[in-house]
Amino acid sequence: MKGLWRAACRCAVSDGVPRRSLIVALVVGTVLNVINQGDAMLAGGPIDWTKLLLTFAVPYCVSTYGAVSYHLKTLHSPSAGGPRGELC
């Protein structure tokens, strides 16, 4: 189990995963913030900073999780077509 966590953490910070996750978070987070808090932003009302931060953090985490899951699946599955034995 410890080896799996180590491999997952290594995958999360390698192979361009952080950059792609950041791009996804910026695009999706911006759209969601406009949908959720657009009226407050346009009217000059108060902005809920916790919601704003979470709206960017959640897409980042989901994108990173998806990338790590894919890497780990290809690592352990010979039918997935990925290289075996390499840790991201």
Protein backbone atom coordinates (compact mmCIF):
# COMPACT_ATOMS: atom_id res chain seq x y z
CA MET A 1 0.00 0.00 0.00
CA LYS A 2 2.85 2.38 0.83
CA GLY A 3 4.35 1.73 -2.60
CA LEU A 4 1.07 2.57 -4.28
CA TRP A 5 0.86 5.92 -2.47
CA ARG A 6 4.46 6.67 -3.38
CA ALA A 7 3.78 5.88 -7.05
CA ALA A 8 0.61 8.00 -7.00
CA CYS A 9 2.45 10.97 -5.50
CA ARG A 10 5.25 10.60 -8.01
CA CYS A 11 2.74 10.53 -10.88
CA ALA A 12 0.94 13.59 -9.51
CA VAL A 13 4.07 15.74 -9.83
CA SER A 14 5.55 14.34 -13.03
CA ASP A 15 4.98 14.11 -16.76
CA GLY A 16 3.24 17.48 -17.10
CA VAL A 17 0.36 16.53 -14.78
CA PRO A 18 0.56 19.68 -12.61
CA ARG A 19 0.60 21.96 -15.66
CA ARG A 20 -2.37 20.26 -17.32
CA SER A 21 -4.28 20.21 -14.05
CA LEU A 22 -3.59 23.91 -13.55
CA ILE A 23 -4.89 24.75 -17.03
CA VAL A 24 -8.04 22.70 -16.41
CA ALA A 25 -8.54 24.38 -13.03
CA LEU A 26 -8.15 27.86 -14.50
CA VAL A 27 -10.64 27.24 -17.31
CA VAL A 28 -13.24 25.26 -15.36
CA GLY A 29 -12.82 27.31 -12.19
CA THR A 30 -13.31 30.57 -14.07
CA VAL A 31 -16.48 29.33 -15.75
CA LEU A 32 -17.88 27.99 -12.49
CA ASN A 33 -17.04 31.19 -10.61
CA VAL A 34 -18.81 33.29 -13.22
CA ILE A 35 -21.84 31.01 -12.97
CA ASN A 36 -21.86 30.92 -9.17
CA GLN A 37 -20.73 34.42 -8.24
CA GLY A 38 -21.13 36.41 -11.45
CA ASP A 39 -23.99 38.49 -10.09
CA ALA A 40 -21.97 39.46 -7.01
CA MET A 41 -18.95 40.32 -9.15
CA LEU A 42 -20.95 42.49 -11.56
CA ALA A 43 -22.96 44.21 -8.83
CA GLY A 44 -19.89 44.89 -6.73
CA GLY A 45 -21.26 42.73 -3.92
CA PRO A 46 -19.23 40.65 -1.52
CA ILE A 47 -17.33 37.69 -2.94
CA ASP A 48 -17.16 34.49 -0.94
CA TRP A 49 -13.40 33.82 -1.05
CA THR A 50 -13.75 30.29 0.32
CA LYS A 51 -16.08 29.37 -2.54
CA LEU A 52 -13.77 31.07 -5.02
CA LEU A 53 -10.72 29.09 -3.87
CA LEU A 54 -12.60 25.80 -3.69
CA THR A 55 -14.05 26.36 -7.15
CA PHE A 56 -10.49 26.34 -8.52
CA ALA A 57 -9.12 23.66 -6.18
CA VAL A 58 -11.75 21.03 -6.97
CA PRO A 59 -11.14 20.90 -10.76
CA TYR A 60 -7.38 20.80 -10.09
CA CYS A 61 -7.78 17.81 -7.75
CA VAL A 62 -10.17 16.00 -10.09
CA SER A 63 -7.89 16.50 -13.08
CA THR A 64 -4.84 15.32 -11.11
CA TYR A 65 -6.75 12.29 -9.80
CA GLY A 66 -7.78 11.34 -13.33
CA ALA A 67 -4.24 11.59 -14.64
CA VAL A 68 -2.78 9.62 -11.74
CA SER A 69 -5.47 6.94 -12.06
CA TYR A 70 -4.68 6.56 -15.76
CA HIS A 71 -0.94 6.35 -15.13
CA LEU A 72 -1.35 3.75 -12.39
CA LYS A 73 -3.75 1.70 -14.51
CA THR A 74 -1.36 1.62 -17.45
CA LEU A 75 1.48 0.81 -15.08
CA HIS A 76 -0.24 -2.30 -13.73
CA SER A 77 -2.26 -3.46 -16.74
CA PRO A 78 -0.57 -5.20 -19.67
CA SER A 79 -3.71 -4.80 -21.80
CA ALA A 80 -3.75 -1.02 -21.38
CA GLY A 81 -0.86 -0.63 -23.81
CA GLY A 82 1.33 1.39 -21.48
CA PRO A 83 4.88 0.70 -20.43
CA ARG A 84 5.15 -1.73 -17.54
CA GLY A 85 7.46 -1.21 -14.61
CA GLU A 86 7.95 2.53 -15.04
CA LEU A 87 6.80 4.83 -12.24
CA CYS A 88 5.59 7.92 -14.09
